[in-house]
Structures are given as structure tokens and as C-alpha cells.
Amino acid sequence: MSKHPKFLSLLVGAGLAAALLPGLGCGKKDSNVIKIGYVGALSGETAVWGQAGLNGMKLTAKEINDKGGILGKKIEVIGLDGQGKPIDSVNAFKKLQEDVLAVIGTNFSSCNIPMAAVADQAGVPLIATAASNPKVTVDENGKLHPYSFRIGFIDPFQGQVLANFASNELKAKTAAIFVDQGSDYSTGLAAYFEKQFLANGGQIPIKVQAHSGDNDFRAQLSKIQPLKPDVILVPWIYKDVALIANQARELGIKAKLMGGDGWDSKELLTMAGDSLEGCVYTSQPSFANPVTKPYADAYQKEYNLAPETEALFGHDGLYWIKDAVERAGKIDRAALRDQLEKTTNFQGLMGSMSVDPATHNPAKPASIYKVAGKQFVWVGDFK
């Protein structure tokens, strides 16, 4: 079946074309089910996040359905594995696009950047979770992707918060930067941190790079060690962070390590041991906030697992769709898109959120967490 509405309209008329186009009604008109997709890493080294996001959505769908659903219809969540890889995530989205009202996911900018163009072409609203690169919702020329949204903050903001915390709270004068050169997330966050830290009067004596999945970072760390920076920015995902931290301490590096929301997994605490004690990172408001406890308890009971923050994205993403559909008053992709864009003061478990219609980025704070006693301790929210 053609995926080009204008072509179909020329052939069979606008009314029949609308009837033939896949997914516009999200199933048959008399269906009592609204299908919502989720794309995440359900397998592979970051599956702990993807599985939490899908579990969070399913638990939330059950909660919403028990209260009457959305406009009287039940929610069905369909999760597909993107493996945390761009091609696999795009393919997963394409498999979902004909049947779902909207898709939530992923938490990787490298996946959502190519997914955004596909969502625009299909006319399916796509809500990224923690994907924080600006190009998730706007292209390289700054043009808006009309069907691409996000729940989390963007890297320029996260980098600014990190740099200001380093300067103002940690009193850091020098910062080394260690990036994953193959990651849009890592290189972008590092660039925004550097810009703000320099603007604050700080110095960057050295920048080094490597690739995620490497097992030995001692060569790069050995270049940092003699410079004795006050802090080291390590904007990597948690498994790499643990290796880098352990090897840094082996080399006698005492600087505080700092990072972004790629650190945000309880597995980091086990893998890093004592190497990250006193170190800090930025992330979304998470389960450290007492308001999330009932949901955390329900998740633990349902899955016999401690929830990861991605579960909160699944929760808030689904309730955001519910809120927008009810404001639209109908189950329609274009109407949903319009209402997502008009969102103001949506209240989720991750806090209040309003959407900038020019960028589809939410206005919300970032939280700072400190590793203390092998726990993540909430320091505060920063804007």
C-alpha cells in the first residue's frame, strides 16, 4: 500500500484514501483499543533501561485502563526491540507505525535523530524519553520535526547545569573532558559543558576521547593524571563510566568525576564500587523524589525489580498522550500532535512540563545526584 496520501487522493478520492491509509484510525473504527508503541533496547548491554521503559508503560496502561481508559477505550502497549541501535530502532518504528496512535522511545539521541524524519513522513507522533540531543526534534538547520517530541531536557541545558554546578558548588577552576567520540550524546554534552565552564572563568587543560565498549582507558587517563584537574567530565553510559572510574582511581586520580543522565542506572553503583564516591551527575527527576514512591512500590510488586528512571518516562509519556487526546476530544494522530505541541503545565511524576512549540522541547528542571554510601542521593533541582 502506498504511504503517500496525495497520490492516493488523486487515485481514489480523499475520503477513500483516508480509509485506506494505515493506522489513521488506529485499528477499526469500532475498536475499543488504542495501541501505543514503545521502542527501546529490550536486549543488549542497555536492556535494563529499555525493559524498564516498557514495563513502566504496561503498568501505567493497566492503571489508566482500570480508571476507564482514554475516551472510554483501553490502551494496548506494543513494545519492539531497537537494541539501542539507530537502524534497529528505525526498523522497529516502521513496524509499529501502521497500527499505533503514537510511539514512545527511545532514550538514545543517536536512535531518535533518524527516527524523527520517519515519524514526520508517517505522521505518527514520536515521544523521545531521555534522548537529549537538540537534533531529536529539529534538524541540522534548525527546522522543526513536526511529529517529534521529547519528555527529557536537552544537552545544552544539561551541560549548562553541570558546568554551573562545577563552578559554583564544587568551586572547580579546571576541568578535564573525556568523551565517547562515537556518541552524539557524549560529544554534544561535552561541548555545551565546555562552553559554559569557560564562560564561568574555568579552564579546560585537556580533552581526550575513546569509544564505548573499549575495555582499557588507561592511556587516556594517564594523560589527565599529571594535570590534576579539579573535576573530570565523563559523559558516557554507566557501564563505561564504571570502567573509567575504576581505572582512574588505580592511576591515583582523585578528581571528582561528573556526568549526565547516561550514569543513571543502579547497576553503576555495583560496577563502580567505591570509585565514584562523592561524584555527581545530572538526570531527570527520578525515584529519589518521594512523590514517586507509590508508583515505585507498584512497579516492585508487579515485576519484582527495582525500577529504573526510564520507567518514569514510560509513565509520564503515556499520561501525556492521555492528556493530549482528551484535550483533542478524539483519537487522531494529527490532533494528538497538535495538542502535544500546545501542552502547558502537564503534571507528571517527573514534575511539571510545558512544551516550546518552536522546538518541542519541554521546560523543566534538571536534578543533580551525588554518589554517597553506594546510593544516589538527590542534591537538588537546578534551572
Protein backbone atom coordinates (compact mmCIF):
# COMPACT_ATOMS: atom_id res chain seq x y z
CA MET A 1 0.00 0.00 0.00
CA SER A 2 1.28 3.46 -0.87
CA LYS A 3 2.34 5.65 2.01
CA HIS A 4 1.79 8.87 0.03
CA PRO A 5 -1.59 10.47 0.88
CA LYS A 6 -1.58 12.86 -2.12
CA PHE A 7 -1.02 10.00 -4.54
CA LEU A 8 -3.88 8.01 -3.03
CA SER A 9 -6.18 11.00 -3.06
CA LEU A 10 -5.62 11.54 -6.77
CA LEU A 11 -6.47 7.93 -7.47
CA VAL A 12 -9.44 7.24 -5.27
CA GLY A 13 -10.57 10.48 -3.68
CA ALA A 14 -9.86 11.97 -0.31
CA GLY A 15 -12.47 10.02 1.62
CA LEU A 16 -11.43 6.58 0.38
CA ALA A 17 -7.75 7.47 0.71
CA ALA A 18 -8.25 8.28 4.38
CA ALA A 19 -9.99 4.98 4.87
CA LEU A 20 -7.18 3.06 3.20
CA LEU A 21 -4.25 4.76 4.89
CA PRO A 22 -2.81 2.54 7.62
CA GLY A 23 -3.20 3.43 11.24
CA LEU A 24 -5.18 6.66 10.95
CA GLY A 25 -7.97 5.12 12.97
CA CYS A 26 -5.52 3.03 14.98
CA GLY A 27 -7.48 -0.06 14.07
CA LYS A 28 -11.11 -0.48 13.04
CA LYS A 29 -13.50 2.36 13.82
CA ASP A 30 -15.43 0.20 16.25
CA SER A 31 -12.28 -0.90 18.03
CA ASN A 32 -12.20 -0.40 21.78
CA VAL A 33 -8.39 -0.41 21.85
CA ILE A 34 -5.83 2.35 21.38
CA LYS A 35 -2.43 0.94 20.51
CA ILE A 36 0.65 2.82 21.73
CA GLY A 37 4.11 1.68 20.69
CA TYR A 38 7.37 1.62 22.61
CA VAL A 39 10.82 1.35 21.05
CA GLY A 40 13.76 0.73 23.36
CA ALA A 41 16.73 -1.51 24.00
CA LEU A 42 14.93 -4.65 25.12
CA SER A 43 18.11 -6.66 24.58
CA GLY A 44 21.82 -5.88 24.66
CA GLU A 45 24.00 -4.09 27.15
CA THR A 46 21.48 -1.31 27.93
CA ALA A 47 18.41 -3.57 28.13
CA VAL A 48 17.96 -2.59 31.78
CA TRP A 49 16.67 0.78 30.51
CA GLY A 50 14.51 -0.47 27.66
CA GLN A 51 12.85 -3.15 29.73
CA ALA A 52 12.11 -0.61 32.47
CA GLY A 53 10.53 1.77 29.96
CA LEU A 54 8.29 -0.94 28.52
CA ASN A 55 7.39 -2.27 31.96
CA GLY A 56 6.60 1.26 33.10
CA MET A 57 4.26 1.79 30.16
CA LYS A 58 2.48 -1.53 30.70
CA LEU A 59 1.98 -0.85 34.39
CA THR A 60 0.68 2.63 33.61
CA ALA A 61 -1.64 1.32 30.88
CA LYS A 62 -3.14 -1.06 33.43
CA GLU A 63 -3.67 1.83 35.82
CA ILE A 64 -5.30 4.00 33.14
CA ASN A 65 -7.47 1.14 31.87
CA ASP A 66 -8.70 0.40 35.39
CA LYS A 67 -9.89 4.02 35.54
CA GLY A 68 -11.79 3.85 32.24
CA GLY A 69 -9.05 4.21 29.66
CA ILE A 70 -8.80 7.12 27.21
CA LEU A 71 -12.13 8.42 25.92
CA GLY A 72 -13.61 5.11 27.01
CA LYS A 73 -11.10 3.00 25.08
CA LYS A 74 -8.50 0.65 26.52
CA ILE A 75 -4.77 1.13 25.94
CA GLU A 76 -2.66 -1.67 24.49
CA VAL A 77 1.12 -1.21 24.69
CA ILE A 78 3.24 -2.82 21.97
CA GLY A 79 6.99 -2.90 22.61
CA LEU A 80 9.63 -3.64 19.98
CA ASP A 81 13.38 -4.02 20.44
CA GLY A 82 15.57 -1.30 18.96
CA GLN A 83 18.65 -2.70 20.73
CA GLY A 84 19.85 0.84 21.37
CA LYS A 85 20.98 1.00 17.70
CA PRO A 86 19.82 3.54 15.08
CA ILE A 87 18.98 1.12 12.26
CA ASP A 88 17.19 -1.34 14.53
CA SER A 89 15.23 1.46 16.20
CA VAL A 90 14.12 2.91 12.87
CA ASN A 91 13.05 -0.54 11.68
CA ALA A 92 11.13 -1.13 14.91
CA PHE A 93 9.33 2.20 14.45
CA LYS A 94 8.41 1.31 10.88
CA LYS A 95 6.90 -1.99 12.05
CA LEU A 96 4.76 -0.12 14.57
CA GLN A 97 3.71 2.89 12.51
CA GLU A 98 0.77 1.32 10.69
CA ASP A 99 -1.04 0.20 13.84
CA VAL A 100 -0.35 2.69 16.61
CA LEU A 101 -1.59 6.13 17.58
CA ALA A 102 1.87 7.18 18.81
CA VAL A 103 5.26 5.79 19.81
CA ILE A 104 7.27 6.44 22.97
CA GLY A 105 11.07 5.95 22.95
CA THR A 106 13.99 5.83 22.74
CA ASN A 107 16.42 7.15 25.36
CA PHE A 108 19.26 7.40 22.81
CA SER A 109 19.73 10.53 20.68
CA SER A 110 21.59 8.52 18.03
CA CYS A 111 18.41 6.47 17.54
CA ASN A 112 15.83 9.25 17.70
CA ILE A 113 17.59 11.58 15.29
CA PRO A 114 16.98 9.24 12.29
CA MET A 115 13.59 8.17 13.68
CA ALA A 116 12.34 11.76 13.62
CA ALA A 117 12.27 12.03 9.83
CA VAL A 118 10.46 8.69 9.58
CA ALA A 119 7.86 9.86 12.10
CA ASP A 120 7.27 13.03 10.07
CA GLN A 121 6.77 11.05 6.88
CA ALA A 122 4.39 8.59 8.54
CA GLY A 123 2.53 11.26 10.51
CA VAL A 124 2.95 9.32 13.76
CA PRO A 125 3.75 11.29 16.94
CA LEU A 126 7.05 10.13 18.44
CA ILE A 127 7.92 10.98 22.04
CA ALA A 128 11.58 10.50 22.95
CA THR A 129 12.32 9.72 26.58
CA ALA A 130 15.83 10.71 27.70
CA ALA A 131 17.21 11.40 24.19
CA SER A 132 18.74 14.82 24.82
CA ASN A 133 20.47 15.99 21.62
CA PRO A 134 18.72 19.07 20.13
CA LYS A 135 18.53 17.34 16.72
CA VAL A 136 15.97 14.87 18.09
CA THR A 137 13.24 17.48 17.46
CA VAL A 138 14.86 19.89 14.99
CA ASP A 139 17.09 19.11 12.01
CA GLU A 140 20.64 20.36 11.46
CA ASN A 141 19.23 23.60 10.00
CA GLY A 142 17.01 24.23 13.00
CA LYS A 143 13.79 23.24 11.17
CA LEU A 144 11.21 21.62 13.43
CA HIS A 145 10.35 17.94 13.07
CA PRO A 146 6.56 18.36 13.44
CA TYR A 147 5.89 14.87 14.79
CA SER A 148 8.90 14.52 17.09
CA PHE A 149 8.68 15.41 20.80
CA ARG A 150 10.60 14.62 23.97
CA ILE A 151 9.96 14.37 27.70
CA GLY A 152 13.51 14.98 28.91
CA PHE A 153 15.65 18.09 28.81
CA ILE A 154 18.22 18.83 26.10
CA ASP A 155 22.01 18.62 26.24
CA PRO A 156 22.66 22.39 26.09
CA PHE A 157 20.65 22.78 29.29
CA GLN A 158 22.16 19.70 30.94
CA GLY A 159 25.69 20.84 30.04
CA GLN A 160 24.99 24.30 31.42
CA VAL A 161 23.68 22.89 34.71
CA LEU A 162 26.72 20.63 35.07
CA ALA A 163 29.17 23.44 34.34
CA ASN A 164 27.48 25.84 36.73
CA PHE A 165 27.42 23.20 39.46
CA ALA A 166 31.14 22.54 38.91
CA SER A 167 31.96 26.24 39.11
CA ASN A 168 29.55 27.42 41.78
CA GLU A 169 29.10 24.43 44.07
CA LEU A 170 32.31 22.43 43.64
CA LYS A 171 34.43 25.60 43.17
CA ALA A 172 36.25 23.90 40.31
CA LYS A 173 38.75 26.01 38.38
CA THR A 174 39.96 23.32 35.97
CA ALA A 175 38.09 20.51 34.23
CA ALA A 176 39.31 17.70 32.02
CA ILE A 177 36.90 16.29 29.45
CA PHE A 178 36.75 12.62 28.42
CA VAL A 179 34.29 11.87 25.60
CA ASP A 180 32.93 8.89 23.72
CA GLN A 181 33.79 10.10 20.23
CA GLY A 182 31.20 7.82 18.60
CA SER A 183 28.27 9.22 20.58
CA ASP A 184 26.24 12.32 19.64
CA TYR A 185 25.11 12.42 23.24
CA SER A 186 28.61 12.40 24.71
CA THR A 187 30.22 14.85 22.29
CA GLY A 188 27.25 17.22 22.43
CA LEU A 189 27.02 17.29 26.20
CA ALA A 190 30.78 17.83 26.46
CA ALA A 191 30.66 20.76 24.03
CA TYR A 192 27.90 22.52 25.98
CA PHE A 193 29.66 21.90 29.30
CA GLU A 194 32.90 23.32 27.91
CA LYS A 195 31.23 26.46 26.57
CA GLN A 196 29.58 27.27 29.91
CA PHE A 197 32.56 26.29 32.07
CA LEU A 198 34.84 28.58 30.07
CA ALA A 199 32.25 31.36 30.29
CA ASN A 200 32.33 30.90 34.07
CA GLY A 201 36.08 31.58 34.04
CA GLY A 202 37.21 27.97 34.27
CA GLN A 203 39.94 26.28 32.23
CA ILE A 204 39.94 23.06 30.19
CA PRO A 205 43.58 21.86 30.25
CA ILE A 206 42.92 18.64 28.31
CA LYS A 207 40.32 16.76 26.27
CA VAL A 208 40.67 13.05 25.48
CA GLN A 209 38.47 10.56 23.68
CA ALA A 210 37.80 6.86 23.21
CA HIS A 211 34.95 4.59 22.11
CA SER A 212 32.17 2.96 24.11
CA GLY A 213 32.93 -0.71 24.51
CA ASP A 214 36.67 -0.25 24.92
CA ASN A 215 38.00 -2.09 27.94
CA ASP A 216 41.12 -0.11 28.70
CA PHE A 217 41.04 3.66 29.18
CA ARG A 218 44.38 3.94 30.98
CA ALA A 219 46.19 5.59 28.07
CA GLN A 220 43.76 8.49 28.04
CA LEU A 221 43.59 8.71 31.83
CA SER A 222 47.39 8.76 32.05
CA LYS A 223 47.35 11.99 30.06
CA ILE A 224 44.91 13.51 32.52
CA GLN A 225 46.60 12.32 35.73
CA PRO A 226 49.64 14.70 35.87
CA LEU A 227 47.44 17.76 35.20
CA LYS A 228 45.45 17.18 38.40
CA PRO A 229 42.19 18.81 37.25
CA ASP A 230 39.56 19.66 39.87
CA VAL A 231 36.89 17.69 38.00
CA ILE A 232 36.69 15.33 35.04
CA LEU A 233 33.60 15.36 32.83
CA VAL A 234 32.73 11.79 31.76
CA PRO A 235 29.50 11.96 29.69
CA TRP A 236 29.26 8.23 28.95
CA ILE A 237 26.74 5.48 29.69
CA TYR A 238 27.02 3.77 33.05
CA LYS A 239 28.95 0.62 32.04
CA ASP A 240 31.77 2.66 30.52
CA VAL A 241 31.67 5.13 33.42
CA ALA A 242 32.30 2.31 35.90
CA LEU A 243 35.38 1.13 33.98
CA ILE A 244 36.71 4.67 33.59
CA ALA A 245 36.19 5.42 37.28
CA ASN A 246 37.88 2.24 38.48
CA GLN A 247 40.88 2.73 36.20
CA ALA A 248 41.15 6.42 37.15
CA ARG A 249 41.43 5.51 40.82
CA GLU A 250 44.00 2.80 40.02
CA LEU A 251 46.15 5.54 38.46
CA GLY A 252 45.82 7.74 41.54
CA ILE A 253 43.42 10.27 40.02
CA LYS A 254 41.49 11.90 42.85
CA ALA A 255 39.38 14.40 40.90
CA LYS A 256 35.60 14.30 41.16
CA LEU A 257 34.01 12.75 38.11
CA MET A 258 30.91 14.39 36.67
CA GLY A 259 28.44 13.10 34.12
CA GLY A 260 24.99 13.26 32.63
CA ASP A 261 21.92 11.06 32.64
CA GLY A 262 23.83 8.22 30.98
CA TRP A 263 25.04 7.45 34.52
CA ASP A 264 21.52 6.89 35.74
CA SER A 265 21.36 3.17 36.50
CA LYS A 266 21.60 1.38 39.80
CA GLU A 267 23.96 -1.07 38.10
CA LEU A 268 26.57 1.71 38.10
CA LEU A 269 26.76 1.57 41.90
CA THR A 270 27.60 -2.13 41.87
CA MET A 271 30.02 -1.97 38.95
CA ALA A 272 31.96 1.09 40.17
CA GLY A 273 32.31 0.06 43.80
CA ASP A 274 33.78 2.95 45.79
CA SER A 275 35.35 4.63 42.76
CA LEU A 276 32.54 7.16 42.31
CA GLU A 277 32.04 8.10 45.96
CA GLY A 278 31.32 11.83 46.10
CA CYS A 279 30.93 12.17 42.33
CA VAL A 280 27.90 13.85 40.75
CA TYR A 281 25.71 13.69 37.67
CA THR A 282 22.65 15.35 36.17
CA SER A 283 19.49 13.48 35.33
CA GLN A 284 15.75 13.77 35.19
CA PRO A 285 13.71 13.99 38.40
CA SER A 286 13.69 10.35 39.43
CA PHE A 287 12.62 7.83 42.05
CA ALA A 288 14.61 9.82 44.62
CA ASN A 289 11.58 12.12 44.77
CA PRO A 290 9.11 10.90 47.44
CA VAL A 291 6.13 11.61 45.15
CA THR A 292 7.15 8.62 43.03
CA LYS A 293 7.10 6.10 45.90
CA PRO A 294 3.61 4.66 45.29
CA TYR A 295 4.50 4.02 41.65
CA ALA A 296 7.89 2.56 42.62
CA ASP A 297 6.19 0.24 45.09
CA ALA A 298 3.63 -0.85 42.49
CA TYR A 299 6.42 -1.50 39.98
CA GLN A 300 8.40 -3.54 42.51
CA LYS A 301 5.31 -5.60 43.33
CA GLU A 302 4.43 -6.18 39.66
CA TYR A 303 7.89 -7.10 38.36
CA ASN A 304 9.89 -7.96 41.49
CA LEU A 305 12.51 -5.47 40.30
CA ALA A 306 13.72 -2.08 41.48
CA PRO A 307 12.59 0.42 38.82
CA GLU A 308 14.99 2.40 36.63
CA THR A 309 14.20 6.04 35.78
CA GLU A 310 13.14 5.01 32.25
CA ALA A 311 10.01 3.53 33.87
CA LEU A 312 9.01 7.06 34.89
CA PHE A 313 9.38 8.16 31.27
CA GLY A 314 7.02 5.36 30.29
CA HIS A 315 4.55 6.51 32.95
CA ASP A 316 4.64 10.20 32.12
CA GLY A 317 4.73 9.58 28.37
CA LEU A 318 1.53 7.55 28.48
CA TYR A 319 -0.26 10.03 30.73
CA TRP A 320 0.90 12.88 28.47
CA ILE A 321 -0.70 11.11 25.49
CA LYS A 322 -3.88 10.61 27.54
CA ASP A 323 -3.92 14.28 28.49
CA ALA A 324 -3.42 15.41 24.88
CA VAL A 325 -6.02 13.03 23.41
CA GLU A 326 -8.60 14.16 25.94
CA ARG A 327 -7.87 17.79 25.13
CA ALA A 328 -8.28 16.96 21.44
CA GLY A 329 -11.54 15.14 22.14
CA LYS A 330 -10.84 12.50 19.51
CA ILE A 331 -8.40 9.73 18.68
CA ASP A 332 -6.47 11.11 15.75
CA ARG A 333 -2.74 11.36 15.12
CA ALA A 334 -2.73 14.92 13.75
CA ALA A 335 -4.98 16.15 16.56
CA LEU A 336 -2.74 14.42 19.09
CA ARG A 337 0.31 16.09 17.56
CA ASP A 338 -1.35 19.49 17.80
CA GLN A 339 -2.24 19.02 21.46
CA LEU A 340 1.18 17.67 22.43
CA GLU A 341 2.61 20.87 20.96
CA LYS A 342 0.17 23.02 22.96
CA THR A 343 0.96 21.36 26.29
CA THR A 344 1.29 23.69 29.27
CA ASN A 345 1.78 22.67 32.89
CA PHE A 346 1.31 18.95 32.34
CA GLN A 347 1.89 17.38 35.74
CA GLY A 348 3.65 14.01 35.73
CA LEU A 349 5.65 12.12 38.30
CA MET A 350 8.77 13.78 36.87
CA GLY A 351 7.38 17.23 37.56
CA SER A 352 5.53 19.93 35.68
CA MET A 353 6.18 20.28 31.94
CA SER A 354 5.33 22.83 29.28
CA VAL A 355 6.32 22.49 25.62
CA ASP A 356 8.05 25.10 23.48
CA PRO A 357 6.07 24.93 20.20
CA ALA A 358 9.07 26.14 18.20
CA THR A 359 11.35 23.27 19.31
CA HIS A 360 9.09 20.70 21.02
CA ASN A 361 11.45 20.81 23.98
CA PRO A 362 9.96 20.76 27.48
CA ALA A 363 10.62 23.43 30.06
CA LYS A 364 11.58 21.55 33.22
CA PRO A 365 14.44 21.45 35.74
CA ALA A 366 17.39 19.06 35.89
CA SER A 367 18.23 17.18 39.06
CA ILE A 368 21.73 16.76 40.46
CA TYR A 369 22.58 13.49 42.21
CA LYS A 370 25.62 12.56 44.28
CA VAL A 371 27.01 9.09 44.81
CA ALA A 372 27.21 8.62 48.58
CA GLY A 373 27.44 5.35 50.51
CA LYS A 374 26.75 3.38 47.32
CA GLN A 375 23.48 5.22 46.83
CA PHE A 376 22.28 8.02 44.56
CA VAL A 377 21.42 10.98 46.77
CA TRP A 378 19.33 13.82 45.39
CA VAL A 379 21.17 17.14 45.78
CA GLY A 380 18.57 19.45 44.26
CA ASP A 381 16.82 20.67 41.12
CA PHE A 382 18.51 23.32 39.01
CA LYS A 383 17.43 25.54 36.11
